[in-house]
Protein backbone atom coordinates (compact mmCIF):
# COMPACT_ATOMS: atom_id res chain seq x y z
CA GLY A 1 -26.86 -74.56 29.91
CA PRO A 2 -24.41 -72.82 27.66
CA GLN A 3 -23.00 -74.86 24.83
CA VAL A 4 -19.39 -74.71 23.62
CA PRO A 5 -19.00 -74.46 19.82
CA ILE A 6 -17.49 -77.29 17.83
CA ASN A 7 -13.72 -77.62 17.75
CA MET A 8 -13.03 -75.82 14.47
CA ASP A 9 -9.35 -76.71 14.67
CA LYS A 10 -10.24 -80.35 13.95
CA MET A 11 -12.83 -79.82 11.20
CA SER A 12 -10.41 -80.82 8.46
CA ASP A 13 -9.95 -84.24 10.14
CA TYR A 14 -13.54 -85.10 9.17
CA ALA A 15 -13.38 -83.83 5.58
CA PRO A 16 -12.49 -85.86 2.50
CA ALA A 17 -8.71 -85.88 1.98
CA ALA A 18 -8.97 -83.75 -1.17
CA PHE A 19 -10.70 -80.94 0.76
CA ALA A 20 -8.85 -81.18 4.06
CA PRO A 21 -6.04 -78.70 3.21
CA SER A 22 -8.55 -76.05 2.06
CA ILE A 23 -10.69 -76.50 5.15
CA GLN A 24 -7.65 -76.36 7.42
CA GLY A 25 -6.52 -73.14 5.69
CA PHE A 26 -9.96 -71.62 6.25
CA THR A 27 -10.14 -72.59 9.93
CA ASP A 28 -6.57 -71.38 10.51
CA ALA A 29 -7.50 -68.01 9.00
CA VAL A 30 -10.69 -67.75 11.08
CA LEU A 31 -8.98 -68.73 14.30
CA THR A 32 -6.13 -66.25 13.83
CA ASP A 33 -8.37 -63.30 12.93
CA PRO A 34 -8.37 -60.84 15.88
CA SER A 35 -12.14 -60.41 15.63
CA ALA A 36 -12.70 -64.13 16.29
CA PHE A 37 -11.59 -64.02 19.93
CA LEU A 38 -14.86 -65.55 21.25
CA LEU A 39 -14.59 -68.40 18.77
CA ARG A 40 -10.97 -69.01 19.80
CA ILE A 41 -12.01 -69.04 23.46
CA GLY A 42 -14.76 -71.56 22.68
CA VAL A 43 -12.35 -73.80 20.77
CA ALA A 44 -9.79 -73.63 23.59
CA MET A 45 -12.47 -74.50 26.14
CA ASP A 46 -13.65 -77.44 24.05
CA VAL A 47 -10.12 -78.79 23.52
CA SER A 48 -9.25 -78.46 27.21
CA GLY A 49 -12.62 -79.60 28.55
CA ALA A 50 -12.92 -76.36 30.54
CA SER A 51 -16.23 -75.26 31.97
CA PHE A 52 -18.04 -72.36 30.31
CA SER A 53 -18.35 -70.67 33.70
CA PRO A 54 -16.24 -72.29 36.43
CA ASP A 55 -17.99 -70.38 39.22
CA ALA A 56 -21.48 -71.33 37.97
CA PHE A 57 -23.44 -74.60 38.02
CA ASP A 58 -21.46 -76.17 35.17
CA GLY A 59 -18.19 -75.50 37.01
CA PHE A 60 -18.99 -77.91 39.85
CA ALA A 61 -19.50 -81.27 38.14
CA TYR A 62 -19.06 -83.40 41.28
CA GLU A 63 -21.33 -81.25 43.43
CA ARG A 64 -23.88 -80.97 40.61
CA GLU A 65 -24.03 -84.76 40.33
CA ILE A 66 -24.63 -85.15 44.09
CA LEU A 67 -27.37 -82.51 43.98
CA LEU A 68 -29.11 -84.02 40.95
CA ASP A 69 -28.87 -87.53 42.42
CA GLY A 70 -30.47 -86.22 45.63
CA PHE A 71 -33.27 -84.58 43.66
CA GLN A 72 -33.88 -87.77 41.76
CA GLU A 73 -34.01 -89.90 44.93
CA LYS A 74 -35.82 -87.61 47.36
CA ALA A 75 -37.72 -84.85 45.55
CA ASN A 76 -40.76 -84.53 43.35
CA ASN A 77 -40.51 -81.85 40.64
CA PRO A 78 -37.87 -79.66 42.34
CA ILE A 79 -37.27 -76.08 41.21
CA VAL A 80 -33.79 -74.58 41.51
CA LEU A 81 -33.68 -70.79 41.90
CA SER A 82 -30.47 -68.99 41.02
CA GLY A 83 -29.38 -65.49 40.20
CA ASP A 84 -26.62 -63.01 39.53
CA SER A 85 -26.32 -64.02 35.89
CA HIS A 86 -27.53 -60.58 34.76
CA ASP A 87 -30.43 -62.14 32.85
CA SER A 88 -33.43 -64.34 33.41
CA TRP A 89 -33.70 -67.79 31.95
CA ALA A 90 -35.17 -71.25 32.54
CA PHE A 91 -34.03 -74.70 31.56
CA THR A 92 -34.35 -78.33 32.55
CA LEU A 93 -31.66 -80.05 34.60
CA TYR A 94 -30.93 -83.61 33.52
CA GLU A 95 -29.24 -86.46 35.33
CA LYS A 96 -25.61 -86.66 34.17
CA GLY A 97 -25.94 -83.07 32.97
CA THR A 98 -27.33 -83.45 29.44
CA LEU A 99 -30.48 -84.50 27.64
CA GLU A 100 -28.55 -87.20 25.79
CA GLU A 101 -27.32 -88.77 29.03
CA GLY A 102 -30.30 -88.70 31.31
CA ASN A 103 -33.84 -88.01 32.36
CA PRO A 104 -35.19 -84.65 33.51
CA VAL A 105 -34.58 -84.12 37.24
CA ALA A 106 -35.47 -80.49 38.01
CA VAL A 107 -36.19 -77.07 36.54
CA ASN A 108 -33.66 -74.26 36.92
CA LEU A 109 -34.96 -70.68 36.98
CA GLY A 110 -32.50 -67.78 36.90
CA CYS A 111 -33.28 -64.27 38.08
CA PRO A 112 -31.75 -61.10 36.61
CA GLY A 113 -29.74 -58.61 38.60
CA VAL A 114 -31.71 -55.74 40.11
CA THR A 115 -29.39 -52.93 39.06
CA SER A 116 -27.29 -54.41 36.26
CA PRO A 117 -28.24 -54.66 32.60
CA GLY A 118 -28.68 -58.04 31.01
CA TRP A 119 -26.72 -59.60 28.19
CA ASN A 120 -29.42 -58.64 25.70
CA GLY A 121 -27.93 -55.17 25.21
CA LEU A 122 -24.53 -56.66 24.42
CA LEU A 123 -25.76 -59.49 22.21
CA GLY A 124 -28.49 -57.54 20.44
């Protein structure tokens, strides 16, 4: 699913002490620039642990875990169909939610809206 960008506000914490002030100055400038609103949203979501889309699959962690556990115990190669995301996509669903934490459990296929344009026009 969607990935939240790194927490730029903390980048200077991982830099050598001699470079930390310069890096912090850069990230402060980037984060305060009005054109960086999406980056600021991503940083805020990362810091707060907020879901990328609280009304989508990643917004229901408890329910998602129950569903994926059920697939793992009682299904063989399940396919999840979803829609209303204004685009089409496909990805693998993993136990515990990520590739790093688990094995593949199902495939998720998303269908585009019938009358609405996709994100491609907006994103290029």
